[in-house]
Amino acid sequence: MTDVLGPKPPRSHARLWVTTLLLAVYVGFVSLVTLWPDPSDLEFGSLADRVARILHRFGVPEWFDFNEIEFTANIAMFVPLGFLLGLALPRKAWWLALLLLPGYSGFIEFTQATALESRVSSVMDVVANTSGGYFGVLLAMILRAMVYARDERIIERAIWERDAERLRARQRQAPRHQPGPATAVLGGWNDTSTAPTQRLPF
């Protein structure tokens, strides 16, 4: 049976393709940063020291040093990862991110502990990464809910305007009612503009 409205328009996969591509690129970046054999080649240590000096200059307490900056950086690094993962996953399968993010972070720390002598693994890194990833997923879910609500309002408005236009078209095409002879005679008595105004003599 064919739908009276015609074939259903195809779904758009633009969001899925774009977010999947960005997710793959960012996963590659995170893997490069965290699994590079010699972290000194990346010069993140000197960068963290410069950031600490700038923060201390602006009044940040001295106890906020390299360890705290590294912990904060681990949180921030996984926020985009969780955000992109939350956009790439189907709406009903968002909960998979709750498993994939700590699993990926645990894989990184396990690889650092077993295969990279220059790296130091830590459970706190998993905690920081997972916290940042979950925050990114939350942002993605909020964004998707806002977009969904906006689309619902646009669709409802479009349906209302379509129905209103159809109603106006039917009203324009409907034939006007022509009064019959009896209606015309009776209607004449109800017309006050032609009613007699002279009093009868009784």
C-alpha atoms as a PDB file:
ATOM      1  CA  MET A   1       0.000   0.000   0.000  1.00  0.00           C
ATOM      2  CA  THR A   2       1.403   3.364  -1.040  1.00  0.00           C
ATOM      3  CA  ASP A   3       1.389   6.196   1.438  1.00  0.00           C
ATOM      4  CA  VAL A   4      -0.932   9.005   0.363  1.00  0.00           C
ATOM      5  CA  LEU A   5       1.830  11.469   1.198  1.00  0.00           C
ATOM      6  CA  GLY A   6       4.279   9.718  -1.122  1.00  0.00           C
ATOM      7  CA  PRO A   7       7.532   7.979  -0.252  1.00  0.00           C
ATOM      8  CA  LYS A   8       9.137   8.961   3.023  1.00  0.00           C
ATOM      9  CA  PRO A   9      12.142  11.284   2.525  1.00  0.00           C
ATOM     10  CA  PRO A  10      15.515   9.670   3.317  1.00  0.00           C
ATOM     11  CA  ARG A  11      17.227  10.365   6.609  1.00  0.00           C
ATOM     12  CA  SER A  12      20.147  12.766   6.661  1.00  0.00           C
ATOM     13  CA  HIS A  13      23.425  11.165   7.719  1.00  0.00           C
ATOM     14  CA  ALA A  14      25.444  14.385   7.704  1.00  0.00           C
ATOM     15  CA  ARG A  15      25.680  14.543  11.508  1.00  0.00           C
ATOM     16  CA  LEU A  16      26.815  10.930  11.714  1.00  0.00           C
ATOM     17  CA  TRP A  17      29.481  11.267   9.017  1.00  0.00           C
ATOM     18  CA  VAL A  18      30.884  14.559  10.290  1.00  0.00           C
ATOM     19  CA  THR A  19      30.983  13.583  13.954  1.00  0.00           C
ATOM     20  CA  THR A  20      32.428  10.138  13.177  1.00  0.00           C
ATOM     21  CA  LEU A  21      35.206  11.705  11.105  1.00  0.00           C
ATOM     22  CA  LEU A  22      36.019  14.265  13.800  1.00  0.00           C
ATOM     23  CA  LEU A  23      35.875  11.553  16.448  1.00  0.00           C
ATOM     24  CA  ALA A  24      38.355   9.375  14.547  1.00  0.00           C
ATOM     25  CA  VAL A  25      40.730  12.333  14.100  1.00  0.00           C
ATOM     26  CA  TYR A  26      40.533  13.274  17.777  1.00  0.00           C
ATOM     27  CA  VAL A  27      41.020   9.698  18.954  1.00  0.00           C
ATOM     28  CA  GLY A  28      44.161   9.612  16.817  1.00  0.00           C
ATOM     29  CA  PHE A  29      45.368  12.844  18.416  1.00  0.00           C
ATOM     30  CA  VAL A  30      44.726  11.578  21.956  1.00  0.00           C
ATOM     31  CA  SER A  31      46.448   8.274  21.174  1.00  0.00           C
ATOM     32  CA  LEU A  32      49.451  10.118  19.788  1.00  0.00           C
ATOM     33  CA  VAL A  33      49.738  12.343  22.847  1.00  0.00           C
ATOM     34  CA  THR A  34      49.249   9.601  25.435  1.00  0.00           C
ATOM     35  CA  LEU A  35      51.059   6.698  23.748  1.00  0.00           C
ATOM     36  CA  TRP A  36      54.112   8.480  22.337  1.00  0.00           C
ATOM     37  CA  PRO A  37      57.129   6.496  23.602  1.00  0.00           C
ATOM     38  CA  ASP A  38      59.080   9.480  24.923  1.00  0.00           C
ATOM     39  CA  PRO A  39      56.874  12.242  26.362  1.00  0.00           C
ATOM     40  CA  SER A  40      59.814  14.655  26.483  1.00  0.00           C
ATOM     41  CA  ASP A  41      59.683  14.839  22.684  1.00  0.00           C
ATOM     42  CA  LEU A  42      56.287  16.485  22.941  1.00  0.00           C
ATOM     43  CA  GLU A  43      57.601  19.177  25.321  1.00  0.00           C
ATOM     44  CA  PHE A  44      54.475  19.135  27.438  1.00  0.00           C
ATOM     45  CA  GLY A  45      56.550  19.336  30.616  1.00  0.00           C
ATOM     46  CA  SER A  46      58.081  22.712  29.746  1.00  0.00           C
ATOM     47  CA  LEU A  47      54.680  23.941  28.551  1.00  0.00           C
ATOM     48  CA  ALA A  48      53.075  22.965  31.866  1.00  0.00           C
ATOM     49  CA  ASP A  49      55.836  24.774  33.759  1.00  0.00           C
ATOM     50  CA  ARG A  50      55.244  27.948  31.759  1.00  0.00           C
ATOM     51  CA  VAL A  51      51.500  27.703  32.366  1.00  0.00           C
ATOM     52  CA  ALA A  52      52.125  27.249  36.115  1.00  0.00           C
ATOM     53  CA  ARG A  53      54.349  30.337  36.234  1.00  0.00           C
ATOM     54  CA  ILE A  54      51.694  32.408  34.426  1.00  0.00           C
ATOM     55  CA  LEU A  55      48.973  31.202  36.782  1.00  0.00           C
ATOM     56  CA  HIS A  56      51.071  31.949  39.866  1.00  0.00           C
ATOM     57  CA  ARG A  57      51.739  35.408  38.498  1.00  0.00           C
ATOM     58  CA  PHE A  58      47.985  36.037  38.369  1.00  0.00           C
ATOM     59  CA  GLY A  59      47.454  34.969  41.968  1.00  0.00           C
ATOM     60  CA  VAL A  60      46.879  31.211  41.677  1.00  0.00           C
ATOM     61  CA  PRO A  61      48.227  29.502  44.858  1.00  0.00           C
ATOM     62  CA  GLU A  62      51.689  27.976  44.691  1.00  0.00           C
ATOM     63  CA  TRP A  63      50.360  24.503  45.509  1.00  0.00           C
ATOM     64  CA  PHE A  64      48.728  24.429  42.073  1.00  0.00           C
ATOM     65  CA  ASP A  65      51.761  23.045  40.262  1.00  0.00           C
ATOM     66  CA  PHE A  66      52.577  20.492  37.557  1.00  0.00           C
ATOM     67  CA  ASN A  67      50.525  17.652  39.047  1.00  0.00           C
ATOM     68  CA  GLU A  68      47.367  19.747  39.284  1.00  0.00           C
ATOM     69  CA  ILE A  69      47.879  21.116  35.763  1.00  0.00           C
ATOM     70  CA  GLU A  70      48.345  17.594  34.419  1.00  0.00           C
ATOM     71  CA  PHE A  71      45.186  16.404  36.185  1.00  0.00           C
ATOM     72  CA  THR A  72      43.193  19.353  34.784  1.00  0.00           C
ATOM     73  CA  ALA A  73      44.654  18.752  31.322  1.00  0.00           C
ATOM     74  CA  ASN A  74      43.572  15.104  31.461  1.00  0.00           C
ATOM     75  CA  ILE A  75      40.024  16.234  32.212  1.00  0.00           C
ATOM     76  CA  ALA A  76      40.019  18.835  29.439  1.00  0.00           C
ATOM     77  CA  MET A  77      41.516  16.434  26.884  1.00  0.00           C
ATOM     78  CA  PHE A  78      38.585  14.014  27.180  1.00  0.00           C
ATOM     79  CA  VAL A  79      35.798  16.627  27.102  1.00  0.00           C
ATOM     80  CA  PRO A  80      35.853  16.897  23.261  1.00  0.00           C
ATOM     81  CA  LEU A  81      36.143  13.113  23.044  1.00  0.00           C
ATOM     82  CA  GLY A  82      32.995  12.601  25.114  1.00  0.00           C
ATOM     83  CA  PHE A  83      31.197  15.372  23.230  1.00  0.00           C
ATOM     84  CA  LEU A  84      31.929  13.876  19.800  1.00  0.00           C
ATOM     85  CA  LEU A  85      31.115  10.377  21.017  1.00  0.00           C
ATOM     86  CA  GLY A  86      27.784  11.609  22.385  1.00  0.00           C
ATOM     87  CA  LEU A  87      26.945  13.107  18.991  1.00  0.00           C
ATOM     88  CA  ALA A  88      28.095  10.103  16.962  1.00  0.00           C
ATOM     89  CA  LEU A  89      26.194   7.460  18.914  1.00  0.00           C
ATOM     90  CA  PRO A  90      22.496   6.831  18.197  1.00  0.00           C
ATOM     91  CA  ARG A  91      20.142   8.615  20.573  1.00  0.00           C
ATOM     92  CA  LYS A  92      19.008   5.380  22.234  1.00  0.00           C
ATOM     93  CA  ALA A  93      22.580   4.063  22.547  1.00  0.00           C
ATOM     94  CA  TRP A  94      24.175   7.060  24.274  1.00  0.00           C
ATOM     95  CA  TRP A  95      24.796   4.940  27.370  1.00  0.00           C
ATOM     96  CA  LEU A  96      27.552   3.093  25.477  1.00  0.00           C
ATOM     97  CA  ALA A  97      29.690   6.181  26.036  1.00  0.00           C
ATOM     98  CA  LEU A  98      29.594   5.449  29.776  1.00  0.00           C
ATOM     99  CA  LEU A  99      31.483   2.229  29.040  1.00  0.00           C
ATOM    100  CA  LEU A 100      33.665   3.274  26.114  1.00  0.00           C
ATOM    101  CA  LEU A 101      35.238   6.316  27.765  1.00  0.00           C
ATOM    102  CA  PRO A 102      36.648   4.613  30.889  1.00  0.00           C
ATOM    103  CA  GLY A 103      37.521   1.583  28.752  1.00  0.00           C
ATOM    104  CA  TYR A 104      39.588   3.706  26.375  1.00  0.00           C
ATOM    105  CA  SER A 105      41.264   5.541  29.233  1.00  0.00           C
ATOM    106  CA  GLY A 106      42.029   2.230  30.952  1.00  0.00           C
ATOM    107  CA  PHE A 107      43.518   0.896  27.719  1.00  0.00           C
ATOM    108  CA  ILE A 108      45.834   3.909  27.547  1.00  0.00           C
ATOM    109  CA  GLU A 109      47.018   3.519  31.116  1.00  0.00           C
ATOM    110  CA  PHE A 110      47.467  -0.235  30.717  1.00  0.00           C
ATOM    111  CA  THR A 111      49.569   0.281  27.581  1.00  0.00           C
ATOM    112  CA  GLN A 112      51.671   2.906  29.340  1.00  0.00           C
ATOM    113  CA  ALA A 113      52.300   0.547  32.263  1.00  0.00           C
ATOM    114  CA  THR A 114      53.153  -2.547  30.220  1.00  0.00           C
ATOM    115  CA  ALA A 115      54.720  -1.315  26.989  1.00  0.00           C
ATOM    116  CA  LEU A 116      56.099   2.202  27.534  1.00  0.00           C
ATOM    117  CA  GLU A 117      58.966   2.493  29.976  1.00  0.00           C
ATOM    118  CA  SER A 118      59.083   6.280  29.799  1.00  0.00           C
ATOM    119  CA  ARG A 119      55.452   6.603  30.758  1.00  0.00           C
ATOM    120  CA  VAL A 120      53.894   6.548  34.215  1.00  0.00           C
ATOM    121  CA  SER A 121      50.373   5.189  34.511  1.00  0.00           C
ATOM    122  CA  SER A 122      47.956   6.214  37.238  1.00  0.00           C
ATOM    123  CA  VAL A 123      44.437   5.388  38.303  1.00  0.00           C
ATOM    124  CA  MET A 124      43.864   9.116  38.852  1.00  0.00           C
ATOM    125  CA  ASP A 125      44.441   9.643  35.141  1.00  0.00           C
ATOM    126  CA  VAL A 126      41.566   7.263  34.422  1.00  0.00           C
ATOM    127  CA  VAL A 127      39.407   9.187  36.886  1.00  0.00           C
ATOM    128  CA  ALA A 128      40.314  12.516  35.278  1.00  0.00           C
ATOM    129  CA  ASN A 129      39.811  11.257  31.735  1.00  0.00           C
ATOM    130  CA  THR A 130      36.489   9.635  32.547  1.00  0.00           C
ATOM    131  CA  SER A 131      35.223  12.744  34.347  1.00  0.00           C
ATOM    132  CA  GLY A 132      36.058  14.935  31.366  1.00  0.00           C
ATOM    133  CA  GLY A 133      34.515  12.434  28.947  1.00  0.00           C
ATOM    134  CA  TYR A 134      31.279  12.229  30.930  1.00  0.00           C
ATOM    135  CA  PHE A 135      31.050  16.018  31.001  1.00  0.00           C
ATOM    136  CA  GLY A 136      31.446  16.074  27.216  1.00  0.00           C
ATOM    137  CA  VAL A 137      28.683  13.465  26.831  1.00  0.00           C
ATOM    138  CA  LEU A 138      26.416  15.595  29.019  1.00  0.00           C
ATOM    139  CA  LEU A 139      27.044  18.618  26.780  1.00  0.00           C
ATOM    140  CA  ALA A 140      26.264  16.520  23.703  1.00  0.00           C
ATOM    141  CA  MET A 141      22.999  15.262  25.205  1.00  0.00           C
ATOM    142  CA  ILE A 142      21.928  18.798  26.122  1.00  0.00           C
ATOM    143  CA  LEU A 143      22.704  20.006  22.599  1.00  0.00           C
ATOM    144  CA  ARG A 144      20.819  17.125  20.985  1.00  0.00           C
ATOM    145  CA  ALA A 145      17.794  17.733  23.236  1.00  0.00           C
ATOM    146  CA  MET A 146      17.757  21.425  22.290  1.00  0.00           C
ATOM    147  CA  VAL A 147      17.996  20.641  18.572  1.00  0.00           C
ATOM    148  CA  TYR A 148      15.262  17.991  18.866  1.00  0.00           C
ATOM    149  CA  ALA A 149      12.912  20.410  20.649  1.00  0.00           C
ATOM    150  CA  ARG A 150      13.589  23.084  18.023  1.00  0.00           C
ATOM    151  CA  ASP A 151      12.878  20.637  15.185  1.00  0.00           C
ATOM    152  CA  GLU A 152       9.609  19.585  16.848  1.00  0.00           C
ATOM    153  CA  ARG A 153       8.472  23.210  16.998  1.00  0.00           C
ATOM    154  CA  ILE A 154       9.406  23.760  13.343  1.00  0.00           C
ATOM    155  CA  ILE A 155       7.491  20.644  12.266  1.00  0.00           C
ATOM    156  CA  GLU A 156       4.418  21.603  14.304  1.00  0.00           C
ATOM    157  CA  ARG A 157       4.471  25.092  12.779  1.00  0.00           C
ATOM    158  CA  ALA A 158       4.800  23.688   9.258  1.00  0.00           C
ATOM    159  CA  ILE A 159       1.864  21.299   9.809  1.00  0.00           C
ATOM    160  CA  TRP A 160      -0.285  24.126  11.201  1.00  0.00           C
ATOM    161  CA  GLU A 161       0.497  26.381   8.229  1.00  0.00           C
ATOM    162  CA  ARG A 162      -0.230  23.544   5.774  1.00  0.00           C
ATOM    163  CA  ASP A 163      -3.602  22.768   7.375  1.00  0.00           C
ATOM    164  CA  ALA A 164      -4.511  26.464   7.508  1.00  0.00           C
ATOM    165  CA  GLU A 165      -3.699  26.892   3.810  1.00  0.00           C
ATOM    166  CA  ARG A 166      -5.808  23.852   2.907  1.00  0.00           C
ATOM    167  CA  LEU A 167      -8.737  25.246   4.895  1.00  0.00           C
ATOM    168  CA  ARG A 168      -8.469  28.617   3.164  1.00  0.00           C
ATOM    169  CA  ALA A 169      -8.293  26.887  -0.239  1.00  0.00           C
ATOM    170  CA  ARG A 170     -11.472  24.879   0.495  1.00  0.00           C
ATOM    171  CA  GLN A 171     -13.254  28.040   1.588  1.00  0.00           C
ATOM    172  CA  ARG A 172     -12.278  29.822  -1.646  1.00  0.00           C
ATOM    173  CA  GLN A 173     -13.411  26.881  -3.805  1.00  0.00           C
ATOM    174  CA  ALA A 174     -16.712  26.200  -1.993  1.00  0.00           C
ATOM    175  CA  PRO A 175     -19.790  27.434  -4.054  1.00  0.00           C
ATOM    176  CA  ARG A 176     -21.722  30.243  -2.477  1.00  0.00           C
ATOM    177  CA  HIS A 177     -25.238  29.409  -1.230  1.00  0.00           C
ATOM    178  CA  GLN A 178     -27.981  30.655  -3.570  1.00  0.00           C
ATOM    179  CA  PRO A 179     -31.285  31.337  -1.728  1.00  0.00           C
ATOM    180  CA  GLY A 180     -34.424  29.650  -3.075  1.00  0.00           C
ATOM    181  CA  PRO A 181     -37.735  31.428  -3.870  1.00  0.00           C
ATOM    182  CA  ALA A 182     -39.228  30.780  -0.435  1.00  0.00           C
ATOM    183  CA  THR A 183     -36.110  32.030   1.283  1.00  0.00           C
ATOM    184  CA  ALA A 184     -36.128  35.153  -0.884  1.00  0.00           C
ATOM    185  CA  VAL A 185     -39.808  35.934  -0.066  1.00  0.00           C
ATOM    186  CA  LEU A 186     -39.391  35.353   3.644  1.00  0.00           C
ATOM    187  CA  GLY A 187     -36.138  37.203   3.625  1.00  0.00           C
ATOM    188  CA  GLY A 188     -37.866  40.217   2.147  1.00  0.00           C
ATOM    189  CA  TRP A 189     -40.119  40.500   5.207  1.00  0.00           C
ATOM    190  CA  ASN A 190     -37.053  40.477   7.419  1.00  0.00           C
ATOM    191  CA  ASP A 191     -35.390  43.282   5.483  1.00  0.00           C
ATOM    192  CA  THR A 192     -36.069  46.406   7.571  1.00  0.00           C
ATOM    193  CA  SER A 193     -34.871  48.688   4.792  1.00  0.00           C
ATOM    194  CA  THR A 194     -37.980  47.882   2.660  1.00  0.00           C
ATOM    195  CA  ALA A 195     -40.508  47.320   5.462  1.00  0.00           C
ATOM    196  CA  PRO A 196     -43.579  49.633   5.460  1.00  0.00           C
ATOM    197  CA  THR A 197     -43.465  52.493   7.910  1.00  0.00           C
ATOM    198  CA  GLN A 198     -47.086  53.828   7.596  1.00  0.00           C
ATOM    199  CA  ARG A 199     -49.417  52.998  10.487  1.00  0.00           C
ATOM    200  CA  LEU A 200     -52.518  50.963   9.687  1.00  0.00           C
ATOM    201  CA  PRO A 201     -55.884  52.647  10.488  1.00  0.00           C
ATOM    202  CA  PHE A 202     -56.798  50.136  13.205  1.00  0.00           C
END
